[in-house]
Amino acid sequence: MNKAIFAAGCFWCIQEIYDAMDGVTKTTVGYIGGNTQSPTYEDVCTGDTNHAEAIEIEYDETIIKFETLLNTFWEIHDPTTLNRQGPDVGTQYRSAIFYTNEEQRIKSEESKKNLNINKFNGKIVTEITKATTFYPAEEYHQHYNLKMKKKYGIS
């Protein structure tokens, strides 16, 4: 399986979108890009760890391409707001692509450049960084939206 890692604000909000995509075999929300080993949600919320809330996506490239995941990333959040998505503010909510190989880096940089020219007038603040250790978030964060829908009988 291939992996892609994106940060696009609150990880609860993006997991359900990627879970619904054909070819995505597994998603895990967690923390990446910071300076603390094994951070907890409480640690990350302080803003002191420099971790981003992110999603690690495992996918079958014979069914779905990295470019499709990348295009979805650009569509589901505002890549022009620094350390903020909607009401969520802090470095943990920054826009970032954590590439896992050179091909992902190149495709991410090309995509960002094209969107900056053709759509966002040079305002994209999304960082493109080599992936470091991804720390899965606590179990209660995994598939949070789905858990809440089941709890309250929402389909």
N, C-alpha and C. Protein backbone atom coordinates (compact mmCIF):
# COMPACT_ATOMS: atom_id res chain seq x y z
N MET A 1 0.83 -1.19 0.00
CA MET A 1 0.00 0.00 0.00
C MET A 1 0.87 1.25 0.00
N ASN A 2 0.39 2.25 -0.66
CA ASN A 2 1.02 3.56 -0.66
C ASN A 2 0.41 4.40 0.46
N LYS A 3 1.15 5.40 0.89
CA LYS A 3 0.66 6.30 1.94
C LYS A 3 0.78 7.75 1.50
N ALA A 4 -0.20 8.53 1.90
CA ALA A 4 -0.18 9.98 1.72
C ALA A 4 -0.55 10.59 3.06
N ILE A 5 0.06 11.73 3.39
CA ILE A 5 -0.22 12.39 4.67
C ILE A 5 -0.51 13.87 4.41
N PHE A 6 -1.70 14.29 4.83
CA PHE A 6 -2.13 15.67 4.64
C PHE A 6 -2.60 16.27 5.96
N ALA A 7 -2.36 17.57 6.12
CA ALA A 7 -2.91 18.35 7.23
C ALA A 7 -3.76 19.44 6.62
N ALA A 8 -5.04 19.47 7.01
CA ALA A 8 -5.97 20.44 6.41
C ALA A 8 -6.96 20.92 7.46
N GLY A 9 -6.45 21.29 8.61
CA GLY A 9 -7.32 21.72 9.69
C GLY A 9 -7.64 20.55 10.60
N CYS A 10 -8.80 20.58 11.20
CA CYS A 10 -9.23 19.55 12.14
C CYS A 10 -9.28 18.19 11.46
N PHE A 11 -8.59 17.22 12.01
CA PHE A 11 -8.56 15.91 11.35
C PHE A 11 -9.91 15.20 11.37
N TRP A 12 -10.79 15.53 12.29
CA TRP A 12 -12.13 14.92 12.29
C TRP A 12 -12.85 15.23 10.99
N CYS A 13 -12.66 16.45 10.50
CA CYS A 13 -13.42 16.93 9.35
C CYS A 13 -13.00 16.30 8.03
N ILE A 14 -11.77 15.84 7.93
CA ILE A 14 -11.31 15.33 6.64
C ILE A 14 -11.31 13.80 6.55
N GLN A 15 -11.32 13.11 7.67
CA GLN A 15 -11.22 11.66 7.62
C GLN A 15 -12.39 11.02 6.88
N GLU A 16 -13.58 11.47 7.16
CA GLU A 16 -14.77 10.88 6.54
C GLU A 16 -14.74 11.04 5.01
N ILE A 17 -14.19 12.14 4.54
CA ILE A 17 -14.11 12.38 3.09
C ILE A 17 -13.19 11.37 2.43
N TYR A 18 -12.01 11.16 2.99
CA TYR A 18 -11.07 10.21 2.40
C TYR A 18 -11.55 8.77 2.57
N ASP A 19 -12.20 8.47 3.68
CA ASP A 19 -12.72 7.11 3.89
C ASP A 19 -13.70 6.71 2.79
N ALA A 20 -14.41 7.66 2.22
CA ALA A 20 -15.44 7.37 1.22
C ALA A 20 -14.88 7.18 -0.19
N MET A 21 -13.60 7.39 -0.37
CA MET A 21 -13.02 7.32 -1.72
C MET A 21 -12.62 5.90 -2.09
N ASP A 22 -13.03 5.48 -3.28
CA ASP A 22 -12.64 4.16 -3.78
C ASP A 22 -11.12 4.10 -3.90
N GLY A 23 -10.55 3.02 -3.40
CA GLY A 23 -9.11 2.85 -3.44
C GLY A 23 -8.41 3.22 -2.15
N VAL A 24 -9.08 3.96 -1.30
CA VAL A 24 -8.52 4.25 0.02
C VAL A 24 -8.83 3.05 0.90
N THR A 25 -7.79 2.43 1.42
CA THR A 25 -7.98 1.20 2.20
C THR A 25 -7.99 1.43 3.70
N LYS A 26 -7.38 2.53 4.13
CA LYS A 26 -7.33 2.81 5.57
C LYS A 26 -6.96 4.27 5.78
N THR A 27 -7.57 4.88 6.79
CA THR A 27 -7.16 6.23 7.20
C THR A 27 -6.93 6.22 8.70
N THR A 28 -5.95 7.00 9.11
CA THR A 28 -5.65 7.15 10.53
C THR A 28 -5.39 8.62 10.77
N VAL A 29 -6.04 9.20 11.78
CA VAL A 29 -5.74 10.59 12.12
C VAL A 29 -4.66 10.61 13.19
N GLY A 30 -3.86 11.67 13.17
CA GLY A 30 -2.77 11.75 14.13
C GLY A 30 -2.01 13.05 14.02
N TYR A 31 -0.77 12.99 14.47
CA TYR A 31 0.05 14.19 14.60
C TYR A 31 1.39 13.98 13.89
N ILE A 32 1.86 15.04 13.23
CA ILE A 32 3.13 14.96 12.50
C ILE A 32 3.74 16.36 12.40
N GLY A 33 5.05 16.38 12.22
CA GLY A 33 5.74 17.64 11.93
C GLY A 33 6.19 18.43 13.13
N GLY A 34 6.14 17.83 14.30
CA GLY A 34 6.49 18.58 15.50
C GLY A 34 7.80 18.14 16.11
N ASN A 35 8.02 18.59 17.34
CA ASN A 35 9.29 18.35 18.01
C ASN A 35 9.15 17.59 19.32
N THR A 36 8.03 16.92 19.52
CA THR A 36 7.79 16.14 20.74
C THR A 36 7.54 14.69 20.36
N GLN A 37 8.17 13.76 21.04
CA GLN A 37 7.91 12.35 20.76
C GLN A 37 6.61 11.93 21.43
N SER A 38 5.82 11.14 20.70
CA SER A 38 4.57 10.58 21.20
C SER A 38 3.65 11.63 21.82
N PRO A 39 3.32 12.68 21.08
CA PRO A 39 2.46 13.73 21.64
C PRO A 39 1.03 13.22 21.85
N THR A 40 0.36 13.81 22.80
CA THR A 40 -1.05 13.54 23.03
C THR A 40 -1.85 14.71 22.43
N TYR A 41 -3.15 14.53 22.35
CA TYR A 41 -4.01 15.60 21.86
C TYR A 41 -3.84 16.85 22.73
N GLU A 42 -3.77 16.63 24.04
CA GLU A 42 -3.61 17.76 24.97
C GLU A 42 -2.29 18.49 24.72
N ASP A 43 -1.23 17.73 24.43
CA ASP A 43 0.07 18.34 24.12
C ASP A 43 -0.02 19.20 22.87
N VAL A 44 -0.61 18.62 21.82
CA VAL A 44 -0.69 19.30 20.53
C VAL A 44 -1.54 20.57 20.64
N CYS A 45 -2.61 20.51 21.43
CA CYS A 45 -3.50 21.66 21.58
C CYS A 45 -2.83 22.87 22.24
N THR A 46 -1.75 22.67 22.95
CA THR A 46 -1.05 23.79 23.56
C THR A 46 -0.36 24.66 22.51
N GLY A 47 -0.09 24.07 21.34
CA GLY A 47 0.64 24.78 20.30
C GLY A 47 2.14 24.74 20.50
N ASP A 48 2.59 24.10 21.57
CA ASP A 48 4.02 24.08 21.89
C ASP A 48 4.79 22.96 21.18
N THR A 49 4.10 21.95 20.66
CA THR A 49 4.79 20.80 20.05
C THR A 49 5.10 21.00 18.57
N ASN A 50 4.44 21.96 17.94
CA ASN A 50 4.54 22.24 16.50
C ASN A 50 4.02 21.10 15.62
N HIS A 51 3.30 20.15 16.20
CA HIS A 51 2.67 19.11 15.39
C HIS A 51 1.43 19.65 14.70
N ALA A 52 1.11 19.07 13.55
CA ALA A 52 -0.12 19.37 12.85
C ALA A 52 -1.08 18.20 13.04
N GLU A 53 -2.38 18.50 13.15
CA GLU A 53 -3.38 17.45 13.07
C GLU A 53 -3.40 17.02 11.62
N ALA A 54 -3.28 15.73 11.38
CA ALA A 54 -3.13 15.24 10.01
C ALA A 54 -3.84 13.91 9.82
N ILE A 55 -3.91 13.49 8.58
CA ILE A 55 -4.47 12.20 8.24
C ILE A 55 -3.45 11.42 7.41
N GLU A 56 -3.24 10.18 7.80
CA GLU A 56 -2.41 9.27 7.04
C GLU A 56 -3.37 8.37 6.25
N ILE A 57 -3.19 8.37 4.94
CA ILE A 57 -4.09 7.65 4.05
C ILE A 57 -3.32 6.52 3.39
N GLU A 58 -3.82 5.29 3.56
CA GLU A 58 -3.27 4.16 2.84
C GLU A 58 -4.17 3.92 1.64
N TYR A 59 -3.55 3.76 0.47
CA TYR A 59 -4.35 3.64 -0.74
C TYR A 59 -3.73 2.67 -1.74
N ASP A 60 -4.58 2.12 -2.57
CA ASP A 60 -4.20 1.20 -3.63
C ASP A 60 -4.06 2.00 -4.91
N GLU A 61 -2.84 2.18 -5.37
CA GLU A 61 -2.60 3.03 -6.54
C GLU A 61 -3.13 2.43 -7.84
N THR A 62 -3.51 1.17 -7.83
CA THR A 62 -4.14 0.62 -9.03
C THR A 62 -5.59 1.08 -9.14
N ILE A 63 -6.12 1.62 -8.05
CA ILE A 63 -7.51 2.09 -8.02
C ILE A 63 -7.59 3.62 -7.95
N ILE A 64 -6.74 4.22 -7.15
CA ILE A 64 -6.76 5.68 -6.96
C ILE A 64 -5.32 6.20 -6.99
N LYS A 65 -5.13 7.31 -7.64
CA LYS A 65 -3.79 7.90 -7.78
C LYS A 65 -3.57 8.97 -6.71
N PHE A 66 -2.31 9.22 -6.42
CA PHE A 66 -1.94 10.27 -5.48
C PHE A 66 -2.53 11.61 -5.91
N GLU A 67 -2.54 11.87 -7.22
CA GLU A 67 -3.07 13.14 -7.72
C GLU A 67 -4.53 13.34 -7.33
N THR A 68 -5.30 12.27 -7.31
CA THR A 68 -6.71 12.37 -6.91
C THR A 68 -6.81 12.74 -5.43
N LEU A 69 -6.00 12.11 -4.61
CA LEU A 69 -5.98 12.45 -3.18
C LEU A 69 -5.53 13.89 -2.99
N LEU A 70 -4.53 14.30 -3.76
CA LEU A 70 -4.01 15.66 -3.69
C LEU A 70 -5.05 16.68 -4.12
N ASN A 71 -5.75 16.40 -5.21
CA ASN A 71 -6.80 17.32 -5.67
C ASN A 71 -7.89 17.46 -4.61
N THR A 72 -8.24 16.37 -3.95
CA THR A 72 -9.23 16.42 -2.88
C THR A 72 -8.72 17.29 -1.73
N PHE A 73 -7.46 17.13 -1.38
CA PHE A 73 -6.84 17.94 -0.33
C PHE A 73 -7.05 19.43 -0.61
N TRP A 74 -6.76 19.87 -1.84
CA TRP A 74 -6.89 21.29 -2.18
C TRP A 74 -8.34 21.75 -2.10
N GLU A 75 -9.28 20.85 -2.39
CA GLU A 75 -10.69 21.22 -2.43
C GLU A 75 -11.37 21.28 -1.06
N ILE A 76 -10.86 20.53 -0.08
CA ILE A 76 -11.59 20.39 1.19
C ILE A 76 -11.18 21.38 2.27
N HIS A 77 -10.26 22.27 1.95
CA HIS A 77 -9.87 23.27 2.95
C HIS A 77 -9.38 24.53 2.23
N ASP A 78 -9.11 25.56 3.01
CA ASP A 78 -8.60 26.81 2.45
C ASP A 78 -7.08 26.84 2.63
N PRO A 79 -6.33 26.63 1.55
CA PRO A 79 -4.88 26.60 1.68
C PRO A 79 -4.23 27.98 1.76
N THR A 80 -5.05 29.03 1.85
CA THR A 80 -4.51 30.39 1.91
C THR A 80 -4.56 30.99 3.31
N THR A 81 -5.05 30.24 4.28
CA THR A 81 -5.11 30.78 5.64
C THR A 81 -4.00 30.14 6.48
N LEU A 82 -3.21 30.96 7.10
CA LEU A 82 -2.07 30.50 7.89
C LEU A 82 -2.54 30.06 9.28
N ASN A 83 -2.29 28.80 9.60
CA ASN A 83 -2.58 28.25 10.93
C ASN A 83 -4.04 28.42 11.33
N ARG A 84 -4.93 28.21 10.36
CA ARG A 84 -6.35 28.37 10.65
C ARG A 84 -7.19 27.67 9.59
N GLN A 85 -8.25 27.02 10.05
CA GLN A 85 -9.30 26.51 9.18
C GLN A 85 -10.61 26.75 9.90
N GLY A 86 -11.45 27.59 9.32
CA GLY A 86 -12.71 27.92 9.97
C GLY A 86 -12.46 28.48 11.36
N PRO A 87 -13.17 27.94 12.37
CA PRO A 87 -13.02 28.47 13.72
C PRO A 87 -11.78 27.93 14.45
N ASP A 88 -11.09 26.95 13.84
CA ASP A 88 -9.93 26.33 14.49
C ASP A 88 -8.67 27.13 14.19
N VAL A 89 -8.00 27.58 15.25
CA VAL A 89 -6.83 28.44 15.10
C VAL A 89 -5.66 27.84 15.86
N GLY A 90 -4.48 27.86 15.25
CA GLY A 90 -3.26 27.37 15.88
C GLY A 90 -2.41 26.64 14.87
N THR A 91 -1.14 26.48 15.17
CA THR A 91 -0.23 25.80 14.24
C THR A 91 -0.66 24.36 13.96
N GLN A 92 -1.39 23.76 14.89
CA GLN A 92 -1.84 22.38 14.67
C GLN A 92 -2.88 22.28 13.57
N TYR A 93 -3.44 23.41 13.14
CA TYR A 93 -4.46 23.42 12.07
C TYR A 93 -3.91 23.93 10.75
N ARG A 94 -2.60 23.98 10.61
CA ARG A 94 -1.99 24.49 9.39
C ARG A 94 -2.25 23.56 8.20
N SER A 95 -2.06 24.11 7.04
CA SER A 95 -2.19 23.38 5.78
C SER A 95 -0.82 22.84 5.41
N ALA A 96 -0.74 21.51 5.23
CA ALA A 96 0.56 20.91 4.93
C ALA A 96 0.40 19.59 4.18
N ILE A 97 1.38 19.34 3.35
CA ILE A 97 1.52 18.06 2.68
C ILE A 97 2.83 17.48 3.17
N PHE A 98 2.77 16.29 3.73
CA PHE A 98 3.96 15.60 4.23
C PHE A 98 4.25 14.46 3.25
N TYR A 99 5.15 14.72 2.30
CA TYR A 99 5.39 13.73 1.26
C TYR A 99 6.20 12.55 1.79
N THR A 100 5.91 11.38 1.22
CA THR A 100 6.57 10.15 1.66
C THR A 100 7.60 9.66 0.64
N ASN A 101 7.65 10.30 -0.53
CA ASN A 101 8.66 9.95 -1.53
C ASN A 101 8.85 11.14 -2.47
N GLU A 102 9.86 11.04 -3.29
CA GLU A 102 10.22 12.14 -4.19
C GLU A 102 9.12 12.44 -5.21
N GLU A 103 8.46 11.42 -5.70
CA GLU A 103 7.38 11.61 -6.67
C GLU A 103 6.25 12.44 -6.06
N GLN A 104 5.89 12.16 -4.80
CA GLN A 104 4.85 12.95 -4.13
C GLN A 104 5.30 14.40 -3.96
N ARG A 105 6.57 14.59 -3.63
CA ARG A 105 7.08 15.96 -3.46
C ARG A 105 6.93 16.75 -4.76
N ILE A 106 7.37 16.14 -5.86
CA ILE A 106 7.32 16.82 -7.15
C ILE A 106 5.88 17.13 -7.54
N LYS A 107 5.00 16.14 -7.42
CA LYS A 107 3.60 16.34 -7.80
C LYS A 107 2.93 17.40 -6.91
N SER A 108 3.27 17.40 -5.64
CA SER A 108 2.71 18.39 -4.70
C SER A 108 3.17 19.79 -5.04
N GLU A 109 4.46 19.95 -5.30
CA GLU A 109 4.99 21.27 -5.64
C GLU A 109 4.44 21.77 -6.97
N GLU A 110 4.32 20.89 -7.96
CA GLU A 110 3.75 21.29 -9.25
C GLU A 110 2.28 21.71 -9.09
N SER A 111 1.54 20.94 -8.32
CA SER A 111 0.13 21.23 -8.09
C SER A 111 -0.02 22.57 -7.38
N LYS A 112 0.77 22.80 -6.35
CA LYS A 112 0.72 24.06 -5.61
C LYS A 112 1.06 25.24 -6.53
N LYS A 113 2.09 25.08 -7.34
CA LYS A 113 2.49 26.14 -8.27
C LYS A 113 1.37 26.46 -9.24
N ASN A 114 0.77 25.43 -9.83
CA ASN A 114 -0.31 25.64 -10.79
C ASN A 114 -1.52 26.31 -10.15
N LEU A 115 -1.89 25.87 -8.96
CA LEU A 115 -3.04 26.48 -8.27
C LEU A 115 -2.75 27.91 -7.85
N ASN A 116 -1.51 28.19 -7.46
CA ASN A 116 -1.14 29.55 -7.09
C ASN A 116 -1.27 30.49 -8.29
N ILE A 117 -0.95 29.99 -9.47
CA ILE A 117 -1.04 30.80 -10.69
C ILE A 117 -2.49 30.91 -11.16
N ASN A 118 -3.20 29.80 -11.18
CA ASN A 118 -4.51 29.74 -11.84
C ASN A 118 -5.72 29.96 -10.94
N LYS A 119 -5.55 29.88 -9.64
CA LYS A 119 -6.72 29.99 -8.77
C LYS A 119 -6.52 30.90 -7.56
N PHE A 120 -5.37 30.82 -6.92
CA PHE A 120 -5.19 31.47 -5.63
C PHE A 120 -4.28 32.71 -5.66
N ASN A 121 -3.89 33.15 -6.82
CA ASN A 121 -3.10 34.39 -6.96
C ASN A 121 -1.89 34.45 -6.04
N GLY A 122 -1.19 33.34 -5.90
CA GLY A 122 0.04 33.33 -5.10
C GLY A 122 -0.17 33.35 -3.61
N LYS A 123 -1.36 33.07 -3.14
CA LYS A 123 -1.66 33.19 -1.71
C LYS A 123 -1.60 31.87 -0.92
N ILE A 124 -1.26 30.76 -1.56
CA ILE A 124 -1.22 29.48 -0.86
C ILE A 124 -0.10 29.49 0.18
N VAL A 125 -0.43 29.10 1.40
CA VAL A 125 0.55 29.03 2.48
C VAL A 125 0.88 27.58 2.86
N THR A 126 0.33 26.64 2.15
CA THR A 126 0.54 25.22 2.42
C THR A 126 2.02 24.88 2.39
N GLU A 127 2.49 24.23 3.46
CA GLU A 127 3.88 23.79 3.48
C GLU A 127 3.95 22.40 2.85
N ILE A 128 5.04 22.14 2.15
CA ILE A 128 5.30 20.83 1.57
C ILE A 128 6.61 20.35 2.19
N THR A 129 6.50 19.31 3.03
CA THR A 129 7.61 18.90 3.88
C THR A 129 7.76 17.38 3.85
N LYS A 130 8.97 16.91 3.93
CA LYS A 130 9.22 15.47 4.02
C LYS A 130 8.56 14.93 5.29
N ALA A 131 7.87 13.82 5.15
CA ALA A 131 7.19 13.21 6.30
C ALA A 131 8.20 12.78 7.36
N THR A 132 7.86 13.07 8.59
CA THR A 132 8.62 12.59 9.73
C THR A 132 7.75 11.54 10.42
N THR A 133 7.99 11.26 11.66
CA THR A 133 7.20 10.26 12.37
C THR A 133 5.75 10.72 12.49
N PHE A 134 4.84 9.84 12.08
CA PHE A 134 3.41 10.08 12.22
C PHE A 134 2.97 9.36 13.48
N TYR A 135 2.36 10.09 14.39
CA TYR A 135 1.86 9.53 15.65
C TYR A 135 0.34 9.42 15.58
N PRO A 136 -0.21 8.21 15.56
CA PRO A 136 -1.67 8.08 15.55
C PRO A 136 -2.28 8.77 16.77
N ALA A 137 -3.39 9.44 16.54
CA ALA A 137 -4.12 10.08 17.64
C ALA A 137 -4.78 9.00 18.49
N GLU A 138 -5.25 9.43 19.63
CA GLU A 138 -5.93 8.54 20.55
C GLU A 138 -7.15 7.90 19.87
N GLU A 139 -7.54 6.74 20.32
CA GLU A 139 -8.62 5.97 19.70
C GLU A 139 -9.91 6.77 19.57
N TYR A 140 -10.25 7.56 20.56
CA TYR A 140 -11.52 8.29 20.49
C TYR A 140 -11.54 9.30 19.36
N HIS A 141 -10.39 9.66 18.79
CA HIS A 141 -10.35 10.58 17.65
C HIS A 141 -10.53 9.85 16.31
N GLN A 142 -10.25 8.56 16.28
CA GLN A 142 -10.33 7.81 15.03
C GLN A 142 -11.78 7.69 14.59
N HIS A 143 -12.06 8.10 13.37
CA HIS A 143 -13.41 8.03 12.78
C HIS A 143 -14.44 8.68 13.70
N TYR A 144 -14.07 9.82 14.27
CA TYR A 144 -14.89 10.52 15.24
C TYR A 144 -16.27 10.87 14.69
N ASN A 145 -16.33 11.43 13.49
CA ASN A 145 -17.63 11.81 12.92
C ASN A 145 -18.55 10.61 12.78
N LEU A 146 -18.01 9.49 12.33
CA LEU A 146 -18.80 8.27 12.18
C LEU A 146 -19.31 7.80 13.55
N LYS A 147 -18.47 7.86 14.55
CA LYS A 147 -18.87 7.47 15.91
C LYS A 147 -20.02 8.35 16.41
N MET A 148 -19.93 9.65 16.15
CA MET A 148 -20.99 10.55 16.60
C MET A 148 -22.30 10.31 15.83
N LYS A 149 -22.21 10.01 14.56
CA LYS A 149 -23.41 9.71 13.78
C LYS A 149 -24.09 8.45 14.33
N LYS A 150 -23.31 7.44 14.63
CA LYS A 150 -23.87 6.20 15.19
C LYS A 150 -24.47 6.46 16.55
N LYS A 151 -23.78 7.23 17.37
CA LYS A 151 -24.26 7.52 18.73
C LYS A 151 -25.61 8.20 18.70
N TYR A 152 -25.82 9.10 17.74
CA TYR A 152 -27.05 9.87 17.68
C TYR A 152 -28.03 9.40 16.60
N GLY A 153 -27.73 8.22 16.01
CA GLY A 153 -28.65 7.63 15.04
C GLY A 153 -28.79 8.42 13.75
N ILE A 154 -27.71 9.04 13.34
CA ILE A 154 -27.71 9.83 12.10
C ILE A 154 -27.09 8.99 10.99
N SER A 155 -27.72 8.97 9.82
CA SER A 155 -27.12 8.18 8.72
C SER A 155 -26.25 9.00 7.84
